[in-house]
Amino acid sequence: MRILKYVLLLLLLFSVAFIVFVATQPSDYKIIRAKEINISKDIIFNFVADSTAISDWNPWNENEVIFNNIKKIEGDSLLQNIIINKEENNSLIQFQKTKKGTLITWKLNGKLNFNLKMLSVLQGGVDNVLGDKLAEGLNNIDNYLVKELSTYSIKVQGLVTKHATNYIQQIDTCAVADFQKTSKAMLQNMLSFVEKNEIKIIGLPFIVYENKNPLKNQIIFAMCVPVEEEILTTEGSEISGGHFDEFLAVKTTLSGDYSHIKEAWKKTSDFIAQKKIVEDITGKHIEIYKVSLPKERKPSKWVTEIYIPIKKKVYRPKIKKPETVEEVAAPSENSTPIPVQ
C-alpha cells in the first residue's frame, strides 16, 4: 500500500514537472516551408489570394483555424492573420517565378498556447507540428491546381444562331490580369441588383466584349444578365439596359478552367480563317458562363461558351446575258446574187 502511494506521488510530481516544463517553453516561434509548382505565378497567386478558394487547399479543419484580412504586397506576396487555437499568427506567402513555374514560400510566426506547446514537446518541436501543416497546405495547392487546371477540352461547334436577347449590364475597364477578379465582383453586384429590384432573369450571366487591346493590356467589357423585358434605368446609374438582335455566330465550348479561354478564342479564330468566314468585328463578342462559381468550385467542371459574330453571305442569282444575234449584211449593188433553186 505504501509502495502504491509512492508511485502515485512520483506520478503526480512527474506530471507537475512536465506541466511546468511545457509551460516554460518559448512562446514565440517562426517556421518556413517552400515548394516549387509547375504552374505560372499569376495563376497560383490569384488562386491563393481568392478568399473563397481557401477551403480547397487549407491544411487545417474549419473549426481549427480562421483566416483573416488577406493583404497583397507588390503582386508577389500575401500577408494574412491566421487564428490557430484562439491564438493569432502572422502568415506570409511569397511567390517567385522560376524556369519550371513558381516557388512558393510560406512563413508562419506567432505565439504558442499551452496546447500547441504540449504538442511541440511530444512531437519533437513546433517545426514538426505547424511545419507539417504548412507543407500539407503547399501540397494541396499543387495537387489541386495541377489536376484541375490540366483537365480541360475545347470544342468548336461551328455556325449557330444566337437569338435576340434583352439584358441589363454593367460596363467596366480593367487590366487583362485583373479580369477574373473584376468580373467576379461585378457579377455579384449585378445579381444583388437583380434581387433587390425583383427583376426576373431568364438565363445565365454573360460577358460582352466592347474592346480588347492587347497592346495596352486592357479590356473594356460589359457584365450582363439576361432579362425578360427591356429595362430602362435612371441616368447616371452604373447598371443600364441593353439588347441585341438575332445574329449568326461561330460557337465554341470550353470545358475546364477559365485560364484556357485564350486558347479557346484562338481555336475559334482559326476555324473562322480555315472556313473562310468573315467575322463581324462590329457585332457582339460574347462569353456565357454555363457552369461556374459559386455553384461549382472545381475548375475542371466549369463550362464557358464563346460566340463570335460573323457576316451573313448575300447570295445574288447570276443573270445570264441575252444571246446576241449576228446581223447578216444586205447584198450590195455590185454583188453577185445567190441563185435560188
Foldseek 3Di string as FASTA:
>chain_A
DVVVVVVVVVVVVVVVVVLVVLVPPFFKDKEKDKDDAQAAQLVLLVQVQPPVNCVQQQLDDPVFKDWDDWDDDPSFKTWTWMQGPNWIKIWIWGWDADPRHIMIMIMIIGTDDSVLSVVQVVVVHNCVVVVVSVVSSVVSSRVQCVVQQVQKDKDWPFKDKDAKFKKKKFKDKDALSCVVVVLVVVVVVVVVVCVVVVFAFDDFKKKWWPDDDVVVRMTIIITITTGDDFDQDDPPDSMGIDIDHMAMWTKMKMQGACVCVVVNVVVRVVVCVVVVFAFDPNDTWMKTWPDDPPVDDRRNGTMIMTTTTTDDDDDDDDDDDDDDDDDDDDDDPPDDDDDDD
